[in-house]
Amino acid sequence: MRAFKMVVVCLMVVAMLGMATQCYAQDPAKKLGRGLANILTGWVELPKNIYDTSVEDNVLAGITMGLAKGIGMFIVRTGAGVYEVVMFPFPIPEDYQPVLEPEFVFSE
């Protein structure tokens, strides 16, 4: 009886994993939302990169290199957001995939 329960549980787990092939579907609405979020939060790249570089290296590197990285990522993230807002009705890139990884400022 115990072996039967284990087989049933294993089959249920396999079935659940098989059904969850696409857990985060990309569509035009998600692309539009992602673009708007990146336009509105692109500026957060400045303090985020300053902090991350300060923690990884030192405060001087955070103020100089972190600021430079932050300015660059601010431009890239905001530009990607504008692109996604303008192009949201079209499946470009394929299947409405994000133009920039990570999708959002605080995604890992």
PDB file of N, CA and C in Angstrom:
ATOM      1  N   MET A   1       0.822  -1.196   0.000  1.00  0.00           N
ATOM      2  CA  MET A   1       0.000   0.000   0.000  1.00  0.00           C
ATOM      3  C   MET A   1       0.871   1.267   0.000  1.00  0.00           C
ATOM      4  N   ARG A   2       1.961   1.207   0.770  1.00  0.00           N
ATOM      5  CA  ARG A   2       2.853   2.354   0.846  1.00  0.00           C
ATOM      6  C   ARG A   2       3.512   2.635  -0.505  1.00  0.00           C
ATOM      7  N   ALA A   3       3.926   1.586  -1.206  1.00  0.00           N
ATOM      8  CA  ALA A   3       4.545   1.740  -2.514  1.00  0.00           C
ATOM      9  C   ALA A   3       3.546   2.326  -3.508  1.00  0.00           C
ATOM     10  N   PHE A   4       2.296   1.927  -3.409  1.00  0.00           N
ATOM     11  CA  PHE A   4       1.254   2.449  -4.290  1.00  0.00           C
ATOM     12  C   PHE A   4       1.089   3.955  -4.096  1.00  0.00           C
ATOM     13  N   LYS A   5       1.107   4.406  -2.835  1.00  0.00           N
ATOM     14  CA  LYS A   5       0.981   5.835  -2.547  1.00  0.00           C
ATOM     15  C   LYS A   5       2.164   6.613  -3.123  1.00  0.00           C
ATOM     16  N   MET A   6       3.354   6.033  -3.003  1.00  0.00           N
ATOM     17  CA  MET A   6       4.536   6.702  -3.548  1.00  0.00           C
ATOM     18  C   MET A   6       4.457   6.823  -5.064  1.00  0.00           C
ATOM     19  N   VAL A   7       3.973   5.785  -5.718  1.00  0.00           N
ATOM     20  CA  VAL A   7       3.829   5.814  -7.176  1.00  0.00           C
ATOM     21  C   VAL A   7       2.809   6.877  -7.570  1.00  0.00           C
ATOM     22  N   VAL A   8       1.701   6.953  -6.854  1.00  0.00           N
ATOM     23  CA  VAL A   8       0.662   7.938  -7.144  1.00  0.00           C
ATOM     24  C   VAL A   8       1.215   9.356  -6.954  1.00  0.00           C
ATOM     25  N   VAL A   9       1.949   9.581  -5.877  1.00  0.00           N
ATOM     26  CA  VAL A   9       2.523  10.897  -5.616  1.00  0.00           C
ATOM     27  C   VAL A   9       3.525  11.255  -6.717  1.00  0.00           C
ATOM     28  N   CYS A  10       4.370  10.311  -7.110  1.00  0.00           N
ATOM     29  CA  CYS A  10       5.346  10.574  -8.176  1.00  0.00           C
ATOM     30  C   CYS A  10       4.641  10.887  -9.484  1.00  0.00           C
ATOM     31  N   LEU A  11       3.601  10.155  -9.824  1.00  0.00           N
ATOM     32  CA  LEU A  11       2.854  10.424 -11.052  1.00  0.00           C
ATOM     33  C   LEU A  11       2.188  11.791 -11.011  1.00  0.00           C
ATOM     34  N   MET A  12       1.679  12.183  -9.857  1.00  0.00           N
ATOM     35  CA  MET A  12       1.055  13.502  -9.724  1.00  0.00           C
ATOM     36  C   MET A  12       2.090  14.609  -9.913  1.00  0.00           C
ATOM     37  N   VAL A  13       3.272  14.439  -9.339  1.00  0.00           N
ATOM     38  CA  VAL A  13       4.331  15.440  -9.483  1.00  0.00           C
ATOM     39  C   VAL A  13       4.752  15.549 -10.945  1.00  0.00           C
ATOM     40  N   VAL A  14       4.929  14.421 -11.621  1.00  0.00           N
ATOM     41  CA  VAL A  14       5.312  14.429 -13.029  1.00  0.00           C
ATOM     42  C   VAL A  14       4.224  15.103 -13.865  1.00  0.00           C
ATOM     43  N   ALA A  15       2.957  14.807 -13.578  1.00  0.00           N
ATOM     44  CA  ALA A  15       1.857  15.419 -14.319  1.00  0.00           C
ATOM     45  C   ALA A  15       1.825  16.927 -14.104  1.00  0.00           C
ATOM     46  N   MET A  16       2.032  17.374 -12.866  1.00  0.00           N
ATOM     47  CA  MET A  16       2.015  18.810 -12.579  1.00  0.00           C
ATOM     48  C   MET A  16       3.166  19.517 -13.282  1.00  0.00           C
ATOM     49  N   LEU A  17       4.341  18.918 -13.278  1.00  0.00           N
ATOM     50  CA  LEU A  17       5.482  19.525 -13.958  1.00  0.00           C
ATOM     51  C   LEU A  17       5.275  19.547 -15.469  1.00  0.00           C
ATOM     52  N   GLY A  18       4.639  18.541 -16.000  1.00  0.00           N
ATOM     53  CA  GLY A  18       4.366  18.490 -17.427  1.00  0.00           C
ATOM     54  C   GLY A  18       3.357  19.528 -17.872  1.00  0.00           C
ATOM     55  N   MET A  19       2.400  19.866 -17.004  1.00  0.00           N
ATOM     56  CA  MET A  19       1.381  20.857 -17.350  1.00  0.00           C
ATOM     57  C   MET A  19       1.900  22.277 -17.225  1.00  0.00           C
ATOM     58  N   ALA A  20       2.945  22.485 -16.454  1.00  0.00           N
ATOM     59  CA  ALA A  20       3.462  23.830 -16.209  1.00  0.00           C
ATOM     60  C   ALA A  20       4.589  24.165 -17.184  1.00  0.00           C
ATOM     61  N   THR A  21       4.359  23.951 -18.467  1.00  0.00           N
ATOM     62  CA  THR A  21       5.425  24.201 -19.429  1.00  0.00           C
ATOM     63  C   THR A  21       5.698  25.679 -19.619  1.00  0.00           C
ATOM     64  N   GLN A  22       4.656  26.502 -19.535  1.00  0.00           N
ATOM     65  CA  GLN A  22       4.857  27.936 -19.730  1.00  0.00           C
ATOM     66  C   GLN A  22       4.189  28.677 -18.575  1.00  0.00           C
ATOM     67  N   CYS A  23       4.936  28.897 -17.516  1.00  0.00           N
ATOM     68  CA  CYS A  23       4.343  29.493 -16.334  1.00  0.00           C
ATOM     69  C   CYS A  23       4.301  31.019 -16.395  1.00  0.00           C
ATOM     70  N   TYR A  24       5.085  31.634 -17.272  1.00  0.00           N
ATOM     71  CA  TYR A  24       5.047  33.083 -17.404  1.00  0.00           C
ATOM     72  C   TYR A  24       4.937  33.427 -18.883  1.00  0.00           C
ATOM     73  N   ALA A  25       3.719  33.469 -19.358  1.00  0.00           N
ATOM     74  CA  ALA A  25       3.494  33.724 -20.777  1.00  0.00           C
ATOM     75  C   ALA A  25       3.749  35.195 -21.096  1.00  0.00           C
ATOM     76  N   GLN A  26       4.388  35.433 -22.227  1.00  0.00           N
ATOM     77  CA  GLN A  26       4.642  36.789 -22.688  1.00  0.00           C
ATOM     78  C   GLN A  26       3.541  37.175 -23.663  1.00  0.00           C
ATOM     79  N   ASP A  27       3.009  38.362 -23.512  1.00  0.00           N
ATOM     80  CA  ASP A  27       1.984  38.849 -24.422  1.00  0.00           C
ATOM     81  C   ASP A  27       2.115  40.363 -24.533  1.00  0.00           C
ATOM     82  N   PRO A  28       1.341  41.003 -25.422  1.00  0.00           N
ATOM     83  CA  PRO A  28       1.489  42.450 -25.614  1.00  0.00           C
ATOM     84  C   PRO A  28       1.269  43.263 -24.332  1.00  0.00           C
ATOM     85  N   ALA A  29       0.314  42.860 -23.510  1.00  0.00           N
ATOM     86  CA  ALA A  29       0.042  43.615 -22.280  1.00  0.00           C
ATOM     87  C   ALA A  29       1.234  43.568 -21.330  1.00  0.00           C
ATOM     88  N   LYS A  30       1.841  42.403 -21.197  1.00  0.00           N
ATOM     89  CA  LYS A  30       3.020  42.289 -20.329  1.00  0.00           C
ATOM     90  C   LYS A  30       4.181  43.107 -20.885  1.00  0.00           C
ATOM     91  N   LYS A  31       4.311  43.128 -22.230  1.00  0.00           N
ATOM     92  CA  LYS A  31       5.380  43.910 -22.853  1.00  0.00           C
ATOM     93  C   LYS A  31       5.159  45.401 -22.609  1.00  0.00           C
ATOM     94  N   LEU A  32       3.918  45.851 -22.713  1.00  0.00           N
ATOM     95  CA  LEU A  32       3.592  47.254 -22.449  1.00  0.00           C
ATOM     96  C   LEU A  32       3.867  47.596 -20.987  1.00  0.00           C
ATOM     97  N   GLY A  33       3.439  46.736 -20.072  1.00  0.00           N
ATOM     98  CA  GLY A  33       3.684  46.969 -18.645  1.00  0.00           C
ATOM     99  C   GLY A  33       5.152  46.993 -18.306  1.00  0.00           C
ATOM    100  N   ARG A  34       5.902  46.065 -18.902  1.00  0.00           N
ATOM    101  CA  ARG A  34       7.344  46.023 -18.674  1.00  0.00           C
ATOM    102  C   ARG A  34       8.007  47.291 -19.191  1.00  0.00           C
ATOM    103  N   GLY A  35       7.578  47.762 -20.359  1.00  0.00           N
ATOM    104  CA  GLY A  35       8.134  48.993 -20.920  1.00  0.00           C
ATOM    105  C   GLY A  35       7.843  50.197 -20.045  1.00  0.00           C
ATOM    106  N   LEU A  36       6.593  50.318 -19.585  1.00  0.00           N
ATOM    107  CA  LEU A  36       6.232  51.441 -18.707  1.00  0.00           C
ATOM    108  C   LEU A  36       7.015  51.383 -17.401  1.00  0.00           C
ATOM    109  N   ALA A  37       7.148  50.180 -16.845  1.00  0.00           N
ATOM    110  CA  ALA A  37       7.907  50.036 -15.599  1.00  0.00           C
ATOM    111  C   ALA A  37       9.358  50.450 -15.793  1.00  0.00           C
ATOM    112  N   ASN A  38       9.956  50.089 -16.913  1.00  0.00           N
ATOM    113  CA  ASN A  38      11.349  50.442 -17.153  1.00  0.00           C
ATOM    114  C   ASN A  38      11.524  51.935 -17.425  1.00  0.00           C
ATOM    115  N   ILE A  39      10.534  52.561 -18.044  1.00  0.00           N
ATOM    116  CA  ILE A  39      10.609  54.013 -18.239  1.00  0.00           C
ATOM    117  C   ILE A  39      10.534  54.722 -16.891  1.00  0.00           C
ATOM    118  N   LEU A  40       9.613  54.286 -16.043  1.00  0.00           N
ATOM    119  CA  LEU A  40       9.403  54.964 -14.763  1.00  0.00           C
ATOM    120  C   LEU A  40      10.484  54.666 -13.730  1.00  0.00           C
ATOM    121  N   THR A  41      11.130  53.506 -13.815  1.00  0.00           N
ATOM    122  CA  THR A  41      12.118  53.132 -12.802  1.00  0.00           C
ATOM    123  C   THR A  41      13.546  53.091 -13.325  1.00  0.00           C
ATOM    124  N   GLY A  42      13.766  53.546 -14.542  1.00  0.00           N
ATOM    125  CA  GLY A  42      15.121  53.534 -15.097  1.00  0.00           C
ATOM    126  C   GLY A  42      16.112  54.321 -14.258  1.00  0.00           C
ATOM    127  N   TRP A  43      15.660  55.408 -13.643  1.00  0.00           N
ATOM    128  CA  TRP A  43      16.542  56.242 -12.823  1.00  0.00           C
ATOM    129  C   TRP A  43      17.064  55.502 -11.603  1.00  0.00           C
ATOM    130  N   VAL A  44      16.388  54.444 -11.178  1.00  0.00           N
ATOM    131  CA  VAL A  44      16.809  53.681  -9.996  1.00  0.00           C
ATOM    132  C   VAL A  44      18.143  52.987 -10.246  1.00  0.00           C
ATOM    133  N   GLU A  45      18.520  52.839 -11.508  1.00  0.00           N
ATOM    134  CA  GLU A  45      19.813  52.233 -11.831  1.00  0.00           C
ATOM    135  C   GLU A  45      20.973  53.039 -11.237  1.00  0.00           C
ATOM    136  N   LEU A  46      20.814  54.356 -11.095  1.00  0.00           N
ATOM    137  CA  LEU A  46      21.898  55.185 -10.541  1.00  0.00           C
ATOM    138  C   LEU A  46      22.247  54.777  -9.112  1.00  0.00           C
ATOM    139  N   PRO A  47      21.322  54.914  -8.145  1.00  0.00           N
ATOM    140  CA  PRO A  47      21.699  54.533  -6.783  1.00  0.00           C
ATOM    141  C   PRO A  47      21.971  53.037  -6.631  1.00  0.00           C
ATOM    142  N   LYS A  48      21.279  52.211  -7.402  1.00  0.00           N
ATOM    143  CA  LYS A  48      21.488  50.760  -7.317  1.00  0.00           C
ATOM    144  C   LYS A  48      22.915  50.397  -7.698  1.00  0.00           C
ATOM    145  N   ASN A  49      23.409  50.932  -8.811  1.00  0.00           N
ATOM    146  CA  ASN A  49      24.760  50.603  -9.248  1.00  0.00           C
ATOM    147  C   ASN A  49      25.822  51.214  -8.347  1.00  0.00           C
ATOM    148  N   ILE A  50      25.562  52.403  -7.818  1.00  0.00           N
ATOM    149  CA  ILE A  50      26.499  53.003  -6.861  1.00  0.00           C
ATOM    150  C   ILE A  50      26.603  52.112  -5.625  1.00  0.00           C
ATOM    151  N   TYR A  51      25.465  51.678  -5.109  1.00  0.00           N
ATOM    152  CA  TYR A  51      25.458  50.822  -3.918  1.00  0.00           C
ATOM    153  C   TYR A  51      26.122  49.475  -4.200  1.00  0.00           C
ATOM    154  N   ASP A  52      25.728  48.822  -5.297  1.00  0.00           N
ATOM    155  CA  ASP A  52      26.286  47.505  -5.618  1.00  0.00           C
ATOM    156  C   ASP A  52      27.800  47.564  -5.788  1.00  0.00           C
ATOM    157  N   THR A  53      28.295  48.572  -6.485  1.00  0.00           N
ATOM    158  CA  THR A  53      29.737  48.695  -6.692  1.00  0.00           C
ATOM    159  C   THR A  53      30.449  49.023  -5.380  1.00  0.00           C
ATOM    160  N   SER A  54      29.823  49.837  -4.533  1.00  0.00           N
ATOM    161  CA  SER A  54      30.423  50.149  -3.235  1.00  0.00           C
ATOM    162  C   SER A  54      30.549  48.904  -2.372  1.00  0.00           C
ATOM    163  N   VAL A  55      29.530  48.047  -2.413  1.00  0.00           N
ATOM    164  CA  VAL A  55      29.563  46.817  -1.617  1.00  0.00           C
ATOM    165  C   VAL A  55      30.592  45.839  -2.182  1.00  0.00           C
ATOM    166  N   GLU A  56      30.647  45.709  -3.515  1.00  0.00           N
ATOM    167  CA  GLU A  56      31.567  44.766  -4.138  1.00  0.00           C
ATOM    168  C   GLU A  56      33.020  45.210  -4.021  1.00  0.00           C
ATOM    169  N   ASP A  57      33.284  46.498  -4.237  1.00  0.00           N
ATOM    170  CA  ASP A  57      34.661  46.983  -4.238  1.00  0.00           C
ATOM    171  C   ASP A  57      34.921  47.882  -3.029  1.00  0.00           C
ATOM    172  N   ASN A  58      34.668  49.173  -3.197  1.00  0.00           N
ATOM    173  CA  ASN A  58      34.811  50.124  -2.090  1.00  0.00           C
ATOM    174  C   ASN A  58      34.002  51.370  -2.429  1.00  0.00           C
ATOM    175  N   VAL A  59      33.941  52.306  -1.489  1.00  0.00           N
ATOM    176  CA  VAL A  59      33.104  53.492  -1.656  1.00  0.00           C
ATOM    177  C   VAL A  59      33.594  54.364  -2.808  1.00  0.00           C
ATOM    178  N   LEU A  60      34.891  54.521  -2.953  1.00  0.00           N
ATOM    179  CA  LEU A  60      35.423  55.337  -4.044  1.00  0.00           C
ATOM    180  C   LEU A  60      35.033  54.752  -5.406  1.00  0.00           C
ATOM    181  N   ALA A  61      35.150  53.439  -5.528  1.00  0.00           N
ATOM    182  CA  ALA A  61      34.737  52.788  -6.775  1.00  0.00           C
ATOM    183  C   ALA A  61      33.231  52.952  -6.985  1.00  0.00           C
ATOM    184  N   GLY A  62      32.471  52.908  -5.906  1.00  0.00           N
ATOM    185  CA  GLY A  62      31.024  53.095  -6.017  1.00  0.00           C
ATOM    186  C   GLY A  62      30.661  54.473  -6.529  1.00  0.00           C
ATOM    187  N   ILE A  63      31.373  55.476  -6.027  1.00  0.00           N
ATOM    188  CA  ILE A  63      31.074  56.848  -6.433  1.00  0.00           C
ATOM    189  C   ILE A  63      31.502  57.100  -7.880  1.00  0.00           C
ATOM    190  N   THR A  64      32.592  56.484  -8.313  1.00  0.00           N
ATOM    191  CA  THR A  64      33.084  56.740  -9.675  1.00  0.00           C
ATOM    192  C   THR A  64      32.534  55.722 -10.677  1.00  0.00           C
ATOM    193  N   MET A  65      32.963  54.473 -10.556  1.00  0.00           N
ATOM    194  CA  MET A  65      32.554  53.433 -11.503  1.00  0.00           C
ATOM    195  C   MET A  65      31.073  53.100 -11.365  1.00  0.00           C
ATOM    196  N   GLY A  66      30.572  53.084 -10.135  1.00  0.00           N
ATOM    197  CA  GLY A  66      29.153  52.796  -9.923  1.00  0.00           C
ATOM    198  C   GLY A  66      28.269  53.857 -10.550  1.00  0.00           C
ATOM    199  N   LEU A  67      28.705  55.108 -10.420  1.00  0.00           N
ATOM    200  CA  LEU A  67      27.957  56.202 -11.044  1.00  0.00           C
ATOM    201  C   LEU A  67      27.973  56.070 -12.566  1.00  0.00           C
ATOM    202  N   ALA A  68      29.134  55.738 -13.122  1.00  0.00           N
ATOM    203  CA  ALA A  68      29.237  55.564 -14.577  1.00  0.00           C
ATOM    204  C   ALA A  68      28.358  54.408 -15.052  1.00  0.00           C
ATOM    205  N   LYS A  69      28.413  53.277 -14.336  1.00  0.00           N
ATOM    206  CA  LYS A  69      27.548  52.145 -14.685  1.00  0.00           C
ATOM    207  C   LYS A  69      26.082  52.527 -14.567  1.00  0.00           C
ATOM    208  N   GLY A  70      25.754  53.262 -13.504  1.00  0.00           N
ATOM    209  CA  GLY A  70      24.369  53.679 -13.289  1.00  0.00           C
ATOM    210  C   GLY A  70      23.847  54.570 -14.394  1.00  0.00           C
ATOM    211  N   ILE A  71      24.668  55.514 -14.838  1.00  0.00           N
ATOM    212  CA  ILE A  71      24.256  56.404 -15.933  1.00  0.00           C
ATOM    213  C   ILE A  71      24.044  55.592 -17.212  1.00  0.00           C
ATOM    214  N   GLY A  72      24.985  54.689 -17.488  1.00  0.00           N
ATOM    215  CA  GLY A  72      24.852  53.849 -18.673  1.00  0.00           C
ATOM    216  C   GLY A  72      23.604  52.978 -18.620  1.00  0.00           C
ATOM    217  N   MET A  73      23.361  52.333 -17.481  1.00  0.00           N
ATOM    218  CA  MET A  73      22.191  51.458 -17.360  1.00  0.00           C
ATOM    219  C   MET A  73      20.891  52.252 -17.326  1.00  0.00           C
ATOM    220  N   PHE A  74      20.929  53.479 -16.798  1.00  0.00           N
ATOM    221  CA  PHE A  74      19.750  54.348 -16.833  1.00  0.00           C
ATOM    222  C   PHE A  74      19.342  54.616 -18.277  1.00  0.00           C
ATOM    223  N   ILE A  75      20.323  54.939 -19.102  1.00  0.00           N
ATOM    224  CA  ILE A  75      20.042  55.216 -20.517  1.00  0.00           C
ATOM    225  C   ILE A  75      19.536  53.962 -21.218  1.00  0.00           C
ATOM    226  N   VAL A  76      20.209  52.839 -20.966  1.00  0.00           N
ATOM    227  CA  VAL A  76      19.818  51.584 -21.619  1.00  0.00           C
ATOM    228  C   VAL A  76      18.432  51.140 -21.176  1.00  0.00           C
ATOM    229  N   ARG A  77      18.162  51.149 -19.867  1.00  0.00           N
ATOM    230  CA  ARG A  77      16.873  50.666 -19.360  1.00  0.00           C
ATOM    231  C   ARG A  77      15.734  51.571 -19.812  1.00  0.00           C
ATOM    232  N   THR A  78      15.922  52.873 -19.742  1.00  0.00           N
ATOM    233  CA  THR A  78      14.870  53.791 -20.172  1.00  0.00           C
ATOM    234  C   THR A  78      14.639  53.673 -21.676  1.00  0.00           C
ATOM    235  N   GLY A  79      15.717  53.546 -22.444  1.00  0.00           N
ATOM    236  CA  GLY A  79      15.585  53.353 -23.889  1.00  0.00           C
ATOM    237  C   GLY A  79      14.869  52.056 -24.235  1.00  0.00           C
ATOM    238  N   ALA A  80      15.193  50.986 -23.518  1.00  0.00           N
ATOM    239  CA  ALA A  80      14.507  49.709 -23.743  1.00  0.00           C
ATOM    240  C   ALA A  80      13.027  49.832 -23.393  1.00  0.00           C
ATOM    241  N   GLY A  81      12.728  50.589 -22.339  1.00  0.00           N
ATOM    242  CA  GLY A  81      11.326  50.807 -21.971  1.00  0.00           C
ATOM    243  C   GLY A  81      10.563  51.559 -23.044  1.00  0.00           C
ATOM    244  N   VAL A  82      11.181  52.608 -23.586  1.00  0.00           N
ATOM    245  CA  VAL A  82      10.535  53.372 -24.669  1.00  0.00           C
ATOM    246  C   VAL A  82      10.311  52.463 -25.875  1.00  0.00           C
ATOM    247  N   TYR A  83      11.316  51.671 -26.228  1.00  0.00           N
ATOM    248  CA  TYR A  83      11.194  50.745 -27.354  1.00  0.00           C
ATOM    249  C   TYR A  83      10.040  49.769 -27.138  1.00  0.00           C
ATOM    250  N   GLU A  84       9.946  49.200 -25.937  1.00  0.00           N
ATOM    251  CA  GLU A  84       8.891  48.224 -25.678  1.00  0.00           C
ATOM    252  C   GLU A  84       7.512  48.857 -25.665  1.00  0.00           C
ATOM    253  N   VAL A  85       7.395  50.085 -25.189  1.00  0.00           N
ATOM    254  CA  VAL A  85       6.095  50.765 -25.213  1.00  0.00           C
ATOM    255  C   VAL A  85       5.662  51.039 -26.648  1.00  0.00           C
ATOM    256  N   VAL A  86       6.596  51.492 -27.470  1.00  0.00           N
ATOM    257  CA  VAL A  86       6.264  51.801 -28.865  1.00  0.00           C
ATOM    258  C   VAL A  86       5.959  50.524 -29.651  1.00  0.00           C
ATOM    259  N   MET A  87       6.701  49.465 -29.387  1.00  0.00           N
ATOM    260  CA  MET A  87       6.584  48.234 -30.172  1.00  0.00           C
ATOM    261  C   MET A  87       5.719  47.157 -29.517  1.00  0.00           C
ATOM    262  N   PHE A  88       4.971  47.489 -28.459  1.00  0.00           N
ATOM    263  CA  PHE A  88       4.243  46.459 -27.726  1.00  0.00           C
ATOM    264  C   PHE A  88       3.238  45.661 -28.553  1.00  0.00           C
ATOM    265  N   PRO A  89       2.612  46.203 -29.598  1.00  0.00           N
ATOM    266  CA  PRO A  89       1.659  45.373 -30.342  1.00  0.00           C
ATOM    267  C   PRO A  89       2.318  44.297 -31.217  1.00  0.00           C
ATOM    268  N   PHE A  90       3.611  44.406 -31.437  1.00  0.00           N
ATOM    269  CA  PHE A  90       4.298  43.512 -32.364  1.00  0.00           C
ATOM    270  C   PHE A  90       5.147  42.494 -31.609  1.00  0.00           C
ATOM    271  N   PRO A  91       5.150  41.234 -32.031  1.00  0.00           N
ATOM    272  CA  PRO A  91       5.933  40.195 -31.340  1.00  0.00           C
ATOM    273  C   PRO A  91       7.417  40.242 -31.700  1.00  0.00           C
ATOM    274  N   ILE A  92       8.027  41.407 -31.484  1.00  0.00           N
ATOM    275  CA  ILE A  92       9.444  41.594 -31.769  1.00  0.00           C
ATOM    276  C   ILE A  92      10.122  42.022 -30.475  1.00  0.00           C
ATOM    277  N   PRO A  93      11.101  41.340 -29.931  1.00  0.00           N
ATOM    278  CA  PRO A  93      11.652  40.067 -30.343  1.00  0.00           C
ATOM    279  C   PRO A  93      10.601  38.953 -30.253  1.00  0.00           C
ATOM    280  N   GLU A  94      10.963  37.803 -30.736  1.00  0.00           N
ATOM    281  CA  GLU A  94      10.036  36.681 -30.859  1.00  0.00           C
ATOM    282  C   GLU A  94       9.268  36.415 -29.571  1.00  0.00           C
ATOM    283  N   ASP A  95       7.971  36.247 -29.692  1.00  0.00           N
ATOM    284  CA  ASP A  95       7.063  35.932 -28.586  1.00  0.00           C
ATOM    285  C   ASP A  95       7.080  36.978 -27.463  1.00  0.00           C
ATOM    286  N   TYR A  96       7.298  38.242 -27.808  1.00  0.00           N
ATOM    287  CA  TYR A  96       7.254  39.349 -26.847  1.00  0.00           C
ATOM    288  C   TYR A  96       8.277  39.198 -25.718  1.00  0.00           C
ATOM    289  N   GLN A  97       9.387  38.561 -25.997  1.00  0.00           N
ATOM    290  CA  GLN A  97      10.427  38.379 -24.977  1.00  0.00           C
ATOM    291  C   GLN A  97      11.034  39.734 -24.608  1.00  0.00           C
ATOM    292  N   PRO A  98      11.580  39.864 -23.405  1.00  0.00           N
ATOM    293  CA  PRO A  98      12.180  41.144 -23.003  1.00  0.00           C
ATOM    294  C   PRO A  98      13.394  41.510 -23.846  1.00  0.00           C
ATOM    295  N   VAL A  99      13.554  42.798 -24.082  1.00  0.00           N
ATOM    296  CA  VAL A  99      14.697  43.309 -24.836  1.00  0.00           C
ATOM    297  C   VAL A  99      15.928  43.326 -23.944  1.00  0.00           C
ATOM    298  N   LEU A 100      15.727  43.505 -22.660  1.00  0.00           N
ATOM    299  CA  LEU A 100      16.809  43.696 -21.700  1.00  0.00           C
ATOM    300  C   LEU A 100      16.691  42.661 -20.586  1.00  0.00           C
ATOM    301  N   GLU A 101      17.802  42.080 -20.205  1.00  0.00           N
ATOM    302  CA  GLU A 101      17.832  41.159 -19.058  1.00  0.00           C
ATOM    303  C   GLU A 101      18.686  41.765 -17.969  1.00  0.00           C
ATOM    304  N   PRO A 102      18.280  41.813 -16.742  1.00  0.00           N
ATOM    305  CA  PRO A 102      16.990  41.395 -16.221  1.00  0.00           C
ATOM    306  C   PRO A 102      15.869  42.308 -16.680  1.00  0.00           C
ATOM    307  N   GLU A 103      14.651  41.799 -16.663  1.00  0.00           N
ATOM    308  CA  GLU A 103      13.504  42.542 -17.179  1.00  0.00           C
ATOM    309  C   GLU A 103      13.274  43.847 -16.435  1.00  0.00           C
ATOM    310  N   PHE A 104      13.442  43.816 -15.117  1.00  0.00           N
ATOM    311  CA  PHE A 104      13.167  44.976 -14.274  1.00  0.00           C
ATOM    312  C   PHE A 104      14.413  45.337 -13.475  1.00  0.00           C
ATOM    313  N   VAL A 105      14.426  46.519 -12.897  1.00  0.00           N
ATOM    314  CA  VAL A 105      15.614  47.008 -12.179  1.00  0.00           C
ATOM    315  C   VAL A 105      16.042  46.063 -11.067  1.00  0.00           C
ATOM    316  N   PHE A 106      15.108  45.576 -10.277  1.00  0.00           N
ATOM    317  CA  PHE A 106      15.472  44.771  -9.115  1.00  0.00           C
ATOM    318  C   PHE A 106      15.330  43.282  -9.334  1.00  0.00           C
ATOM    319  N   SER A 107      15.172  42.837 -10.591  1.00  0.00           N
ATOM    320  CA  SER A 107      15.175  41.405 -10.886  1.00  0.00           C
ATOM    321  C   SER A 107      16.604  40.909 -10.857  1.00  0.00           C
ATOM    322  N   GLU A 108      16.770  39.686 -10.432  1.00  0.00           N
ATOM    323  CA  GLU A 108      18.124  39.107 -10.389  1.00  0.00           C
ATOM    324  C   GLU A 108      18.437  38.413 -11.676  1.00  0.00           C
TER     325      GLU A 108
END
